[in-house]
Protein backbone atom coordinates (compact mmCIF):
# COMPACT_ATOMS: atom_id res chain seq x y z
CA MET A 1 12.92 -18.86 -10.80
CA LYS A 2 12.55 -19.31 -14.42
CA GLY A 3 11.61 -23.63 -12.59
CA ASP A 4 9.31 -22.19 -11.11
CA ASP A 5 7.69 -19.47 -13.40
CA TYR A 6 7.28 -23.16 -16.50
CA ASP A 7 5.17 -24.91 -13.42
CA ILE A 8 2.85 -22.56 -12.73
CA LYS A 9 2.41 -22.62 -16.00
CA SER A 10 1.63 -26.04 -16.59
CA LYS A 11 -1.05 -26.78 -13.74
CA SER A 12 -4.73 -25.31 -13.67
CA LYS A 13 -6.39 -22.78 -13.49
CA THR A 14 -7.13 -23.17 -9.95
CA ASN A 15 -4.15 -24.92 -8.71
CA GLN A 16 -2.76 -21.25 -10.50
CA ALA A 17 -4.50 -19.18 -8.51
CA ILE A 18 -3.79 -20.59 -5.09
CA LYS A 19 -0.41 -20.30 -5.77
CA LEU A 20 -0.30 -17.24 -6.58
CA PHE A 21 -3.14 -16.33 -3.72
CA SER A 22 -0.20 -18.08 -1.57
CA LYS A 23 2.31 -16.47 -2.63
CA GLY A 24 0.13 -12.97 -1.38
CA LYS A 25 -1.07 -11.39 -4.91
CA ASN A 26 -4.90 -10.80 -4.01
CA LEU A 27 -7.90 -10.78 -6.67
CA GLU A 28 -7.03 -8.03 -8.92
CA ASP A 29 -3.92 -9.51 -9.70
CA VAL A 30 -5.16 -13.07 -9.40
CA VAL A 31 -7.60 -11.85 -12.59
CA ILE A 32 -5.06 -10.07 -14.61
CA ALA A 33 -2.58 -12.86 -13.95
CA LEU A 34 -4.72 -15.50 -15.31
CA TYR A 35 -7.38 -13.84 -17.60
CA LEU A 36 -10.75 -15.19 -15.67
CA PRO A 37 -13.66 -13.94 -14.66
CA ILE A 38 -13.82 -12.04 -10.75
CA ASP A 39 -16.64 -14.96 -10.32
CA GLU A 40 -14.75 -17.23 -10.47
CA VAL A 41 -11.79 -16.10 -9.20
CA ARG A 42 -13.39 -14.53 -5.60
CA ASP A 43 -14.86 -19.20 -5.80
CA ILE A 44 -11.24 -20.39 -6.28
CA TYR A 45 -10.16 -17.59 -3.10
CA ARG A 46 -12.81 -18.53 -0.92
CA GLN A 47 -11.39 -21.75 -2.07
CA PHE A 48 -7.82 -21.05 -0.51
CA LEU A 49 -9.29 -19.66 2.48
CA LYS A 50 -10.72 -23.43 3.43
CA LEU A 51 -7.47 -24.11 1.73
CA LYS A 52 -5.45 -21.84 5.08
CA ASP A 53 -9.08 -22.33 7.18
CA MET A 54 -9.31 -19.04 7.54
CA HIS A 55 -12.66 -18.66 6.26
C-alpha cells in the first residue's frame, strides 16, 4: 500500500482525483485530499463518469 501512495502522489491532480473516485471517494473527499476547488473536482468527476460510460 505504501507503493500505491507514492504512485498516486507522482501523478497529475486529475489522475489522482480519478483514482480516488474509482476507489469510491466522493466529491468532498477529493476536494479535501487534493486541495482543489470544488468546480474543478466536479469537472474531473464528469470526466470520470464519461470514462465509466455512466454519464
